[in-house]
PDB file of N, CA and C in Angstrom:
ATOM      1  N   MET A   1      92.476   5.942 -94.942  1.00  0.00           N
ATOM      2  CA  MET A   1      93.644   5.161 -95.293  1.00  0.00           C
ATOM      3  C   MET A   1      93.197   3.783 -95.773  1.00  0.00           C
ATOM      4  N   ARG A   2      93.904   3.301 -96.739  1.00  0.00           N
ATOM      5  CA  ARG A   2      93.718   1.942 -97.231  1.00  0.00           C
ATOM      6  C   ARG A   2      95.091   1.300 -97.302  1.00  0.00           C
ATOM      7  N   ASN A   3      95.226   0.180 -96.643  1.00  0.00           N
ATOM      8  CA  ASN A   3      96.512  -0.529 -96.655  1.00  0.00           C
ATOM      9  C   ASN A   3      97.671   0.398 -96.310  1.00  0.00           C
ATOM     10  N   GLU A   4      97.482   1.204 -95.278  1.00  0.00           N
ATOM     11  CA  GLU A   4      98.508   2.140 -94.790  1.00  0.00           C
ATOM     12  C   GLU A   4      98.856   3.246 -95.793  1.00  0.00           C
ATOM     13  N   GLU A   5      97.985   3.499 -96.770  1.00  0.00           N
ATOM     14  CA  GLU A   5      98.224   4.537 -97.760  1.00  0.00           C
ATOM     15  C   GLU A   5      97.131   5.595 -97.646  1.00  0.00           C
ATOM     16  N   VAL A   6      97.518   6.859 -97.603  1.00  0.00           N
ATOM     17  CA  VAL A   6      96.550   7.953 -97.572  1.00  0.00           C
ATOM     18  C   VAL A   6      95.909   8.036 -98.950  1.00  0.00           C
ATOM     19  N   VAL A   7      94.584   7.950 -98.997  1.00  0.00           N
ATOM     20  CA  VAL A   7      93.877   8.010-100.279  1.00  0.00           C
ATOM     21  C   VAL A   7      92.966   9.225-100.384  1.00  0.00           C
ATOM     22  N   GLY A   8      92.755   9.908 -99.284  1.00  0.00           N
ATOM     23  CA  GLY A   8      91.909  11.092 -99.318  1.00  0.00           C
ATOM     24  C   GLY A   8      92.186  11.983 -98.131  1.00  0.00           C
ATOM     25  N   PHE A   9      91.872  13.252 -98.308  1.00  0.00           N
ATOM     26  CA  PHE A   9      92.146  14.238 -97.276  1.00  0.00           C
ATOM     27  C   PHE A   9      91.135  15.360 -97.403  1.00  0.00           C
ATOM     28  N   LEU A  10      90.624  15.827 -96.287  1.00  0.00           N
ATOM     29  CA  LEU A  10      89.729  16.970 -96.283  1.00  0.00           C
ATOM     30  C   LEU A  10      90.149  17.875 -95.142  1.00  0.00           C
ATOM     31  N   GLY A  11      90.535  19.085 -95.483  1.00  0.00           N
ATOM     32  CA  GLY A  11      90.863  20.083 -94.482  1.00  0.00           C
ATOM     33  C   GLY A  11      89.694  21.042 -94.348  1.00  0.00           C
ATOM     34  N   TYR A  12      89.589  21.683 -93.225  1.00  0.00           N
ATOM     35  CA  TYR A  12      88.514  22.653 -93.052  1.00  0.00           C
ATOM     36  C   TYR A  12      88.933  23.693 -92.039  1.00  0.00           C
ATOM     37  N   ASN A  13      88.206  24.794 -92.044  1.00  0.00           N
ATOM     38  CA  ASN A  13      88.385  25.803 -91.008  1.00  0.00           C
ATOM     39  C   ASN A  13      87.028  26.368 -90.637  1.00  0.00           C
ATOM     40  N   ILE A  14      86.994  26.850 -89.432  1.00  0.00           N
ATOM     41  CA  ILE A  14      85.821  27.554 -88.919  1.00  0.00           C
ATOM     42  C   ILE A  14      86.374  28.848 -88.363  1.00  0.00           C
ATOM     43  N   GLY A  15      85.988  29.948 -88.952  1.00  0.00           N
ATOM     44  CA  GLY A  15      86.635  31.194 -88.589  1.00  0.00           C
ATOM     45  C   GLY A  15      88.088  31.130 -89.021  1.00  0.00           C
ATOM     46  N   LYS A  16      88.988  31.587 -88.187  1.00  0.00           N
ATOM     47  CA  LYS A  16      90.407  31.562 -88.545  1.00  0.00           C
ATOM     48  C   LYS A  16      91.105  30.312 -88.046  1.00  0.00           C
ATOM     49  N   GLU A  17      90.369  29.405 -87.440  1.00  0.00           N
ATOM     50  CA  GLU A  17      90.956  28.174 -86.928  1.00  0.00           C
ATOM     51  C   GLU A  17      90.954  27.116 -88.008  1.00  0.00           C
ATOM     52  N   ALA A  18      92.130  26.712 -88.455  1.00  0.00           N
ATOM     53  CA  ALA A  18      92.241  25.700 -89.495  1.00  0.00           C
ATOM     54  C   ALA A  18      92.481  24.335 -88.876  1.00  0.00           C
ATOM     55  N   PHE A  19      91.719  23.356 -89.329  1.00  0.00           N
ATOM     56  CA  PHE A  19      91.932  21.983 -88.900  1.00  0.00           C
ATOM     57  C   PHE A  19      93.188  21.412 -89.532  1.00  0.00           C
ATOM     58  N   ALA A  20      93.447  21.808 -90.762  1.00  0.00           N
ATOM     59  CA  ALA A  20      94.561  21.233 -91.504  1.00  0.00           C
ATOM     60  C   ALA A  20      95.488  22.333 -91.994  1.00  0.00           C
ATOM     61  N   PRO A  21      96.561  22.600 -91.271  1.00  0.00           N
ATOM     62  CA  PRO A  21      97.507  23.601 -91.764  1.00  0.00           C
ATOM     63  C   PRO A  21      98.182  23.097 -93.043  1.00  0.00           C
ATOM     64  N   ALA A  22      98.667  24.015 -93.856  1.00  0.00           N
ATOM     65  CA  ALA A  22      99.303  23.645 -95.118  1.00  0.00           C
ATOM     66  C   ALA A  22     100.674  23.021 -94.849  1.00  0.00           C
ATOM     67  N   ILE A  23     100.796  21.755 -95.160  1.00  0.00           N
ATOM     68  CA  ILE A  23     102.056  21.027 -95.009  1.00  0.00           C
ATOM     69  C   ILE A  23     102.302  20.299 -96.328  1.00  0.00           C
ATOM     70  N   TYR A  24     103.410  20.620 -96.983  1.00  0.00           N
ATOM     71  CA  TYR A  24     103.689  20.064 -98.306  1.00  0.00           C
ATOM     72  C   TYR A  24     103.678  18.538 -98.290  1.00  0.00           C
ATOM     73  N   SER A  25     104.251  17.918 -97.281  1.00  0.00           N
ATOM     74  CA  SER A  25     104.337  16.451 -97.259  1.00  0.00           C
ATOM     75  C   SER A  25     102.958  15.796 -97.284  1.00  0.00           C
ATOM     76  N   ALA A  26     101.954  16.448 -96.707  1.00  0.00           N
ATOM     77  CA  ALA A  26     100.596  15.895 -96.743  1.00  0.00           C
ATOM     78  C   ALA A  26     100.048  15.911 -98.162  1.00  0.00           C
ATOM     79  N   PHE A  27     100.300  16.994 -98.890  1.00  0.00           N
ATOM     80  CA  PHE A  27      99.858  17.068-100.277  1.00  0.00           C
ATOM     81  C   PHE A  27     100.623  16.069-101.137  1.00  0.00           C
ATOM     82  N   ARG A  28     101.901  15.872-100.835  1.00  0.00           N
ATOM     83  CA  ARG A  28     102.749  14.966-101.624  1.00  0.00           C
ATOM     84  C   ARG A  28     102.297  13.516-101.505  1.00  0.00           C
ATOM     85  N   LYS A  29     101.657  13.173-100.396  1.00  0.00           N
ATOM     86  CA  LYS A  29     101.177  11.804-100.222  1.00  0.00           C
ATOM     87  C   LYS A  29     100.008  11.493-101.147  1.00  0.00           C
ATOM     88  N   VAL A  30      99.338  12.528-101.649  1.00  0.00           N
ATOM     89  CA  VAL A  30      98.161  12.333-102.491  1.00  0.00           C
ATOM     90  C   VAL A  30      98.446  12.684-103.947  1.00  0.00           C
ATOM     91  N   TYR A  31      99.314  13.667-104.187  1.00  0.00           N
ATOM     92  CA  TYR A  31      99.539  14.176-105.536  1.00  0.00           C
ATOM     93  C   TYR A  31     100.982  13.977-105.993  1.00  0.00           C
ATOM     94  N   SER A  32     101.171  14.118-107.302  1.00  0.00           N
ATOM     95  CA  SER A  32     102.519  14.110-107.880  1.00  0.00           C
ATOM     96  C   SER A  32     103.280  15.327-107.346  1.00  0.00           C
ATOM     97  N   PRO A  33     104.627  15.351-107.467  1.00  0.00           N
ATOM     98  CA  PRO A  33     105.394  16.492-106.920  1.00  0.00           C
ATOM     99  C   PRO A  33     104.917  17.852-107.420  1.00  0.00           C
ATOM    100  N   PHE A  34     104.709  17.991-108.726  1.00  0.00           N
ATOM    101  CA  PHE A  34     104.276  19.288-109.251  1.00  0.00           C
ATOM    102  C   PHE A  34     102.885  19.662-108.767  1.00  0.00           C
ATOM    103  N   ALA A  35     101.943  18.723-108.855  1.00  0.00           N
ATOM    104  CA  ALA A  35     100.569  18.988-108.417  1.00  0.00           C
ATOM    105  C   ALA A  35     100.526  19.294-106.920  1.00  0.00           C
ATOM    106  N   ALA A  36     101.324  18.578-106.148  1.00  0.00           N
ATOM    107  CA  ALA A  36     101.373  18.821-104.702  1.00  0.00           C
ATOM    108  C   ALA A  36     101.912  20.213-104.404  1.00  0.00           C
ATOM    109  N   LEU A  37     102.974  20.609-105.106  1.00  0.00           N
ATOM    110  CA  LEU A  37     103.561  21.930-104.885  1.00  0.00           C
ATOM    111  C   LEU A  37     102.577  23.027-105.244  1.00  0.00           C
ATOM    112  N   TRP A  38     101.892  22.891-106.387  1.00  0.00           N
ATOM    113  CA  TRP A  38     100.918  23.886-106.810  1.00  0.00           C
ATOM    114  C   TRP A  38      99.800  24.018-105.781  1.00  0.00           C
ATOM    115  N   ARG A  39      99.258  22.877-105.331  1.00  0.00           N
ATOM    116  CA  ARG A  39      98.170  22.906-104.359  1.00  0.00           C
ATOM    117  C   ARG A  39      98.637  23.437-103.001  1.00  0.00           C
ATOM    118  N   PHE A  40      99.850  23.091-102.607  1.00  0.00           N
ATOM    119  CA  PHE A  40     100.400  23.591-101.348  1.00  0.00           C
ATOM    120  C   PHE A  40     100.476  25.116-101.362  1.00  0.00           C
ATOM    121  N   PHE A  41     101.014  25.697-102.428  1.00  0.00           N
ATOM    122  CA  PHE A  41     101.115  27.156-102.501  1.00  0.00           C
ATOM    123  C   PHE A  41      99.740  27.807-102.577  1.00  0.00           C
ATOM    124  N   PHE A  42      98.831  27.229-103.352  1.00  0.00           N
ATOM    125  CA  PHE A  42      97.484  27.781-103.450  1.00  0.00           C
ATOM    126  C   PHE A  42      96.803  27.768-102.082  1.00  0.00           C
ATOM    127  N   TYR A  43      96.867  26.638-101.394  1.00  0.00           N
ATOM    128  CA  TYR A  43      96.213  26.514-100.093  1.00  0.00           C
ATOM    129  C   TYR A  43      96.855  27.451 -99.061  1.00  0.00           C
ATOM    130  N   SER A  44      98.179  27.574 -99.076  1.00  0.00           N
ATOM    131  CA  SER A  44      98.861  28.488 -98.150  1.00  0.00           C
ATOM    132  C   SER A  44      98.409  29.920 -98.388  1.00  0.00           C
ATOM    133  N   PHE A  45      98.327  30.315 -99.648  1.00  0.00           N
ATOM    134  CA  PHE A  45      97.864  31.653-100.008  1.00  0.00           C
ATOM    135  C   PHE A  45      96.416  31.838 -99.582  1.00  0.00           C
ATOM    136  N   TYR A  46      95.610  30.834 -99.843  1.00  0.00           N
ATOM    137  CA  TYR A  46      94.185  30.881 -99.516  1.00  0.00           C
ATOM    138  C   TYR A  46      93.987  31.092 -98.013  1.00  0.00           C
ATOM    139  N   LEU A  47      94.696  30.345 -97.190  1.00  0.00           N
ATOM    140  CA  LEU A  47      94.555  30.486 -95.740  1.00  0.00           C
ATOM    141  C   LEU A  47      94.967  31.864 -95.253  1.00  0.00           C
ATOM    142  N   ARG A  48      95.961  32.435 -95.879  1.00  0.00           N
ATOM    143  CA  ARG A  48      96.474  33.723 -95.425  1.00  0.00           C
ATOM    144  C   ARG A  48      95.548  34.879 -95.762  1.00  0.00           C
ATOM    145  N   PHE A  49      94.903  34.831 -96.923  1.00  0.00           N
ATOM    146  CA  PHE A  49      94.173  36.003 -97.395  1.00  0.00           C
ATOM    147  C   PHE A  49      92.665  35.828 -97.509  1.00  0.00           C
ATOM    148  N   HIS A  50      92.133  34.691 -97.178  1.00  0.00           N
ATOM    149  CA  HIS A  50      90.699  34.454 -97.311  1.00  0.00           C
ATOM    150  C   HIS A  50      89.937  35.101 -96.163  1.00  0.00           C
ATOM    151  N   LEU A  51      88.745  35.602 -96.465  1.00  0.00           N
ATOM    152  CA  LEU A  51      87.865  36.137 -95.425  1.00  0.00           C
ATOM    153  C   LEU A  51      87.188  34.966 -94.717  1.00  0.00           C
ATOM    154  N   TYR A  52      87.138  35.011 -93.405  1.00  0.00           N
ATOM    155  CA  TYR A  52      86.568  33.916 -92.642  1.00  0.00           C
ATOM    156  C   TYR A  52      85.312  34.367 -91.917  1.00  0.00           C
ATOM    157  N   TYR A  53      84.392  33.431 -91.769  1.00  0.00           N
ATOM    158  CA  TYR A  53      83.161  33.684 -91.051  1.00  0.00           C
ATOM    159  C   TYR A  53      82.991  32.601 -90.003  1.00  0.00           C
ATOM    160  N   GLU A  54      82.721  32.993 -88.780  1.00  0.00           N
ATOM    161  CA  GLU A  54      82.640  32.055 -87.661  1.00  0.00           C
ATOM    162  C   GLU A  54      81.498  31.055 -87.791  1.00  0.00           C
ATOM    163  N   GLU A  55      80.435  31.409 -88.491  1.00  0.00           N
ATOM    164  CA  GLU A  55      79.267  30.534 -88.559  1.00  0.00           C
ATOM    165  C   GLU A  55      79.284  29.616 -89.781  1.00  0.00           C
ATOM    166  N   ILE A  56      80.372  29.617 -90.535  1.00  0.00           N
ATOM    167  CA  ILE A  56      80.481  28.790 -91.736  1.00  0.00           C
ATOM    168  C   ILE A  56      81.683  27.864 -91.621  1.00  0.00           C
ATOM    169  N   LEU A  57      81.459  26.597 -91.929  1.00  0.00           N
ATOM    170  CA  LEU A  57      82.564  25.653 -92.019  1.00  0.00           C
ATOM    171  C   LEU A  57      83.055  25.701 -93.462  1.00  0.00           C
ATOM    172  N   GLN A  58      84.299  26.072 -93.646  1.00  0.00           N
ATOM    173  CA  GLN A  58      84.886  26.221 -94.976  1.00  0.00           C
ATOM    174  C   GLN A  58      85.768  25.007 -95.269  1.00  0.00           C
ATOM    175  N   ILE A  59      85.412  24.237 -96.295  1.00  0.00           N
ATOM    176  CA  ILE A  59      86.223  23.098 -96.710  1.00  0.00           C
ATOM    177  C   ILE A  59      87.354  23.609 -97.585  1.00  0.00           C
ATOM    178  N   ALA A  60      88.563  23.292 -97.209  1.00  0.00           N
ATOM    179  CA  ALA A  60      89.735  23.671 -98.000  1.00  0.00           C
ATOM    180  C   ALA A  60      90.952  22.972 -97.440  1.00  0.00           C
ATOM    181  N   PRO A  61      91.579  22.117 -98.095  1.00  0.00           N
ATOM    182  CA  PRO A  61      91.280  21.529 -99.385  1.00  0.00           C
ATOM    183  C   PRO A  61      90.573  20.196 -99.213  1.00  0.00           C
ATOM    184  N   ILE A  62      90.145  19.630-100.321  1.00  0.00           N
ATOM    185  CA  ILE A  62      89.674  18.259-100.360  1.00  0.00           C
ATOM    186  C   ILE A  62      90.458  17.592-101.491  1.00  0.00           C
ATOM    187  N   ALA A  63      91.001  16.438-101.207  1.00  0.00           N
ATOM    188  CA  ALA A  63      91.824  15.753-102.194  1.00  0.00           C
ATOM    189  C   ALA A  63      91.594  14.254-102.102  1.00  0.00           C
ATOM    190  N   VAL A  64      91.508  13.625-103.261  1.00  0.00           N
ATOM    191  CA  VAL A  64      91.390  12.169-103.350  1.00  0.00           C
ATOM    192  C   VAL A  64      92.448  11.694-104.334  1.00  0.00           C
ATOM    193  N   SER A  65      93.193  10.697-103.943  1.00  0.00           N
ATOM    194  CA  SER A  65      94.246  10.154-104.787  1.00  0.00           C
ATOM    195  C   SER A  65      93.677   9.712-106.133  1.00  0.00           C
ATOM    196  N   GLU A  66      94.407   9.989-107.197  1.00  0.00           N
ATOM    197  CA  GLU A  66      93.958   9.614-108.538  1.00  0.00           C
ATOM    198  C   GLU A  66      93.723   8.112-108.647  1.00  0.00           C
ATOM    199  N   LYS A  67      94.457   7.321-107.880  1.00  0.00           N
ATOM    200  CA  LYS A  67      94.346   5.859-107.949  1.00  0.00           C
ATOM    201  C   LYS A  67      92.983   5.343-107.502  1.00  0.00           C
ATOM    202  N   VAL A  68      92.283   6.103-106.646  1.00  0.00           N
ATOM    203  CA  VAL A  68      91.034   5.602-106.072  1.00  0.00           C
ATOM    204  C   VAL A  68      89.828   6.492-106.369  1.00  0.00           C
ATOM    205  N   ARG A  69      89.982   7.417-107.287  1.00  0.00           N
ATOM    206  CA  ARG A  69      88.845   8.274-107.627  1.00  0.00           C
ATOM    207  C   ARG A  69      87.728   7.435-108.217  1.00  0.00           C
ATOM    208  N   GLY A  70      86.498   7.809-107.896  1.00  0.00           N
ATOM    209  CA  GLY A  70      85.337   7.072-108.370  1.00  0.00           C
ATOM    210  C   GLY A  70      84.955   5.905-107.477  1.00  0.00           C
ATOM    211  N   GLN A  71      85.643   5.761-106.332  1.00  0.00           N
ATOM    212  CA  GLN A  71      85.367   4.653-105.420  1.00  0.00           C
ATOM    213  C   GLN A  71      84.650   5.100-104.146  1.00  0.00           C
ATOM    214  N   GLY A  72      84.135   6.331-104.132  1.00  0.00           N
ATOM    215  CA  GLY A  72      83.340   6.785-103.001  1.00  0.00           C
ATOM    216  C   GLY A  72      84.107   7.480-101.887  1.00  0.00           C
ATOM    217  N   ILE A  73      85.401   7.721-102.065  1.00  0.00           N
ATOM    218  CA  ILE A  73      86.198   8.378-101.022  1.00  0.00           C
ATOM    219  C   ILE A  73      85.730   9.821-100.820  1.00  0.00           C
ATOM    220  N   GLY A  74      85.503  10.552-101.903  1.00  0.00           N
ATOM    221  CA  GLY A  74      85.020  11.933-101.801  1.00  0.00           C
ATOM    222  C   GLY A  74      83.676  11.999-101.104  1.00  0.00           C
ATOM    223  N   LYS A  75      82.785  11.065-101.437  1.00  0.00           N
ATOM    224  CA  LYS A  75      81.473  11.011-100.782  1.00  0.00           C
ATOM    225  C   LYS A  75      81.625  10.774 -99.287  1.00  0.00           C
ATOM    226  N   LEU A  76      82.503   9.861 -98.937  1.00  0.00           N
ATOM    227  CA  LEU A  76      82.738   9.565 -97.517  1.00  0.00           C
ATOM    228  C   LEU A  76      83.267  10.788 -96.781  1.00  0.00           C
ATOM    229  N   LEU A  77      84.219  11.490 -97.380  1.00  0.00           N
ATOM    230  CA  LEU A  77      84.776  12.690 -96.750  1.00  0.00           C
ATOM    231  C   LEU A  77      83.700  13.762 -96.554  1.00  0.00           C
ATOM    232  N   LEU A  78      82.889  13.994 -97.585  1.00  0.00           N
ATOM    233  CA  LEU A  78      81.816  14.994 -97.463  1.00  0.00           C
ATOM    234  C   LEU A  78      80.775  14.575 -96.429  1.00  0.00           C
ATOM    235  N   HIS A  79      80.430  13.311 -96.413  1.00  0.00           N
ATOM    236  CA  HIS A  79      79.460  12.823 -95.429  1.00  0.00           C
ATOM    237  C   HIS A  79      79.976  13.051 -94.004  1.00  0.00           C
ATOM    238  N   GLU A  80      81.246  12.757 -93.777  1.00  0.00           N
ATOM    239  CA  GLU A  80      81.812  12.917 -92.437  1.00  0.00           C
ATOM    240  C   GLU A  80      81.905  14.386 -92.019  1.00  0.00           C
ATOM    241  N   ILE A  81      82.253  15.274 -92.959  1.00  0.00           N
ATOM    242  CA  ILE A  81      82.354  16.692 -92.587  1.00  0.00           C
ATOM    243  C   ILE A  81      80.973  17.269 -92.329  1.00  0.00           C
ATOM    244  N   GLU A  82      79.963  16.776 -93.033  1.00  0.00           N
ATOM    245  CA  GLU A  82      78.603  17.232 -92.772  1.00  0.00           C
ATOM    246  C   GLU A  82      78.125  16.762 -91.402  1.00  0.00           C
ATOM    247  N   LYS A  83      78.486  15.557 -91.007  1.00  0.00           N
ATOM    248  CA  LYS A  83      78.146  15.080 -89.663  1.00  0.00           C
ATOM    249  C   LYS A  83      78.823  15.943 -88.604  1.00  0.00           C
ATOM    250  N   LEU A  84      80.079  16.306 -88.847  1.00  0.00           N
ATOM    251  CA  LEU A  84      80.803  17.157 -87.893  1.00  0.00           C
ATOM    252  C   LEU A  84      80.144  18.529 -87.786  1.00  0.00           C
ATOM    253  N   ALA A  85      79.793  19.124 -88.920  1.00  0.00           N
ATOM    254  CA  ALA A  85      79.140  20.440 -88.898  1.00  0.00           C
ATOM    255  C   ALA A  85      77.836  20.377 -88.121  1.00  0.00           C
ATOM    256  N   LYS A  86      77.072  19.330 -88.346  1.00  0.00           N
ATOM    257  CA  LYS A  86      75.804  19.175 -87.625  1.00  0.00           C
ATOM    258  C   LYS A  86      76.051  19.056 -86.122  1.00  0.00           C
ATOM    259  N   LYS A  87      77.041  18.278 -85.740  1.00  0.00           N
ATOM    260  CA  LYS A  87      77.382  18.095 -84.331  1.00  0.00           C
ATOM    261  C   LYS A  87      77.806  19.419 -83.687  1.00  0.00           C
ATOM    262  N   MET A  88      78.471  20.280 -84.479  1.00  0.00           N
ATOM    263  CA  MET A  88      78.943  21.575 -83.977  1.00  0.00           C
ATOM    264  C   MET A  88      77.896  22.676 -84.148  1.00  0.00           C
ATOM    265  N   HIS A  89      76.694  22.310 -84.615  1.00  0.00           N
ATOM    266  CA  HIS A  89      75.594  23.254 -84.825  1.00  0.00           C
ATOM    267  C   HIS A  89      75.959  24.344 -85.842  1.00  0.00           C
ATOM    268  N   ILE A  90      76.646  23.939 -86.889  1.00  0.00           N
ATOM    269  CA  ILE A  90      76.995  24.855 -87.974  1.00  0.00           C
ATOM    270  C   ILE A  90      76.097  24.499 -89.149  1.00  0.00           C
ATOM    271  N   ALA A  91      75.315  25.470 -89.601  1.00  0.00           N
ATOM    272  CA  ALA A  91      74.313  25.208 -90.631  1.00  0.00           C
ATOM    273  C   ALA A  91      74.827  25.421 -92.046  1.00  0.00           C
ATOM    274  N   LYS A  92      75.958  26.103 -92.214  1.00  0.00           N
ATOM    275  CA  LYS A  92      76.452  26.398 -93.556  1.00  0.00           C
ATOM    276  C   LYS A  92      77.848  25.804 -93.759  1.00  0.00           C
ATOM    277  N   ILE A  93      78.013  25.178 -94.917  1.00  0.00           N
ATOM    278  CA  ILE A  93      79.309  24.657 -95.340  1.00  0.00           C
ATOM    279  C   ILE A  93      79.624  25.294 -96.681  1.00  0.00           C
ATOM    280  N   SER A  94      80.834  25.745 -96.848  1.00  0.00           N
ATOM    281  CA  SER A  94      81.251  26.398 -98.076  1.00  0.00           C
ATOM    282  C   SER A  94      82.507  25.710 -98.605  1.00  0.00           C
ATOM    283  N   LEU A  95      82.651  25.701 -99.917  1.00  0.00           N
ATOM    284  CA  LEU A  95      83.865  25.192-100.534  1.00  0.00           C
ATOM    285  C   LEU A  95      84.037  25.864-101.872  1.00  0.00           C
ATOM    286  N   GLU A  96      85.227  25.776-102.429  1.00  0.00           N
ATOM    287  CA  GLU A  96      85.498  26.343-103.733  1.00  0.00           C
ATOM    288  C   GLU A  96      86.032  25.242-104.635  1.00  0.00           C
ATOM    289  N   VAL A  97      85.642  25.311-105.897  1.00  0.00           N
ATOM    290  CA  VAL A  97      86.123  24.342-106.881  1.00  0.00           C
ATOM    291  C   VAL A  97      86.341  25.093-108.191  1.00  0.00           C
ATOM    292  N   VAL A  98      87.393  24.716-108.901  1.00  0.00           N
ATOM    293  CA  VAL A  98      87.710  25.389-110.154  1.00  0.00           C
ATOM    294  C   VAL A  98      86.860  24.821-111.284  1.00  0.00           C
ATOM    295  N   ASP A  99      86.650  25.616-112.312  1.00  0.00           N
ATOM    296  CA  ASP A  99      85.846  25.203-113.464  1.00  0.00           C
ATOM    297  C   ASP A  99      86.432  23.996-114.180  1.00  0.00           C
ATOM    298  N   THR A 100      87.716  23.778-114.043  1.00  0.00           N
ATOM    299  CA  THR A 100      88.381  22.686-114.747  1.00  0.00           C
ATOM    300  C   THR A 100      88.278  21.354-114.017  1.00  0.00           C
ATOM    301  N   ASN A 101      87.434  21.278-112.992  1.00  0.00           N
ATOM    302  CA  ASN A 101      87.254  20.038-112.233  1.00  0.00           C
ATOM    303  C   ASN A 101      85.771  19.650-112.228  1.00  0.00           C
ATOM    304  N   PRO A 102      85.227  19.255-113.395  1.00  0.00           N
ATOM    305  CA  PRO A 102      83.790  18.977-113.471  1.00  0.00           C
ATOM    306  C   PRO A 102      83.351  17.780-112.636  1.00  0.00           C
ATOM    307  N   SER A 103      84.207  16.791-112.443  1.00  0.00           N
ATOM    308  CA  SER A 103      83.799  15.624-111.636  1.00  0.00           C
ATOM    309  C   SER A 103      83.581  16.033-110.181  1.00  0.00           C
ATOM    310  N   ALA A 104      84.425  16.917-109.662  1.00  0.00           N
ATOM    311  CA  ALA A 104      84.227  17.405-108.294  1.00  0.00           C
ATOM    312  C   ALA A 104      82.955  18.252-108.220  1.00  0.00           C
ATOM    313  N   GLN A 105      82.720  19.077-109.224  1.00  0.00           N
ATOM    314  CA  GLN A 105      81.507  19.893-109.242  1.00  0.00           C
ATOM    315  C   GLN A 105      80.269  19.013-109.196  1.00  0.00           C
ATOM    316  N   LYS A 106      80.264  17.930-109.975  1.00  0.00           N
ATOM    317  CA  LYS A 106      79.115  17.026-109.983  1.00  0.00           C
ATOM    318  C   LYS A 106      78.914  16.376-108.626  1.00  0.00           C
ATOM    319  N   LEU A 107      80.010  15.986-107.973  1.00  0.00           N
ATOM    320  CA  LEU A 107      79.913  15.392-106.638  1.00  0.00           C
ATOM    321  C   LEU A 107      79.266  16.380-105.673  1.00  0.00           C
ATOM    322  N   TYR A 108      79.734  17.604-105.657  1.00  0.00           N
ATOM    323  CA  TYR A 108      79.195  18.600-104.732  1.00  0.00           C
ATOM    324  C   TYR A 108      77.719  18.876-105.023  1.00  0.00           C
ATOM    325  N   GLU A 109      77.357  18.936-106.291  1.00  0.00           N
ATOM    326  CA  GLU A 109      75.954  19.165-106.652  1.00  0.00           C
ATOM    327  C   GLU A 109      75.070  18.003-106.182  1.00  0.00           C
ATOM    328  N   ARG A 110      75.576  16.771-106.288  1.00  0.00           N
ATOM    329  CA  ARG A 110      74.808  15.613-105.807  1.00  0.00           C
ATOM    330  C   ARG A 110      74.579  15.694-104.302  1.00  0.00           C
ATOM    331  N   PHE A 111      75.487  16.334-103.594  1.00  0.00           N
ATOM    332  CA  PHE A 111      75.345  16.508-102.150  1.00  0.00           C
ATOM    333  C   PHE A 111      74.491  17.726-101.806  1.00  0.00           C
ATOM    334  N   GLY A 112      74.030  18.453-102.817  1.00  0.00           N
ATOM    335  CA  GLY A 112      73.146  19.588-102.570  1.00  0.00           C
ATOM    336  C   GLY A 112      73.841  20.930-102.479  1.00  0.00           C
ATOM    337  N   TYR A 113      75.142  20.978-102.760  1.00  0.00           N
ATOM    338  CA  TYR A 113      75.838  22.258-102.748  1.00  0.00           C
ATOM    339  C   TYR A 113      75.402  23.052-103.966  1.00  0.00           C
ATOM    340  N   MET A 114      75.238  24.349-103.776  1.00  0.00           N
ATOM    341  CA  MET A 114      74.784  25.221-104.850  1.00  0.00           C
ATOM    342  C   MET A 114      75.956  26.017-105.403  1.00  0.00           C
ATOM    343  N   LEU A 115      75.936  26.206-106.696  1.00  0.00           N
ATOM    344  CA  LEU A 115      76.986  26.944-107.377  1.00  0.00           C
ATOM    345  C   LEU A 115      76.752  28.440-107.207  1.00  0.00           C
ATOM    346  N   ILE A 116      77.778  29.106-106.749  1.00  0.00           N
ATOM    347  CA  ILE A 116      77.782  30.569-106.690  1.00  0.00           C
ATOM    348  C   ILE A 116      79.016  30.974-107.463  1.00  0.00           C
ATOM    349  N   LYS A 117      78.827  31.532-108.617  1.00  0.00           N
ATOM    350  CA  LYS A 117      79.953  31.860-109.477  1.00  0.00           C
ATOM    351  C   LYS A 117      80.551  33.196-109.066  1.00  0.00           C
ATOM    352  N   ARG A 118      81.860  33.172-108.940  1.00  0.00           N
ATOM    353  CA  ARG A 118      82.590  34.397-108.619  1.00  0.00           C
ATOM    354  C   ARG A 118      83.597  34.669-109.732  1.00  0.00           C
ATOM    355  N   THR A 119      83.789  35.926-110.025  1.00  0.00           N
ATOM    356  CA  THR A 119      84.776  36.278-111.055  1.00  0.00           C
ATOM    357  C   THR A 119      85.874  37.110-110.471  1.00  0.00           C
TER     358      THR A 119
END
């Protein structure tokens, strides 16, 4: 938070336990109404039908407000989730990113995440 405004959010799950359940109002604080609705439905669908593995921390979703992108918020969120995984003795972190988000892909690659393309 900056000045009482949510500027970034990172949800995760380990196995079927989700840290951040899908709540539209949380997405609306970061995105425009349409973008928030689209992401809310995608994330709700993802949680319901995704295969889960107990030994992997799955990041879903990660969001940074458009107003503060490029200011290190995404880096901070990834750094903190990696510290949490280490504390919980979880060696693998997984996330998904769409091809149309090259800036996020570059951030993840800088953190050492490897691309595994799925079709």
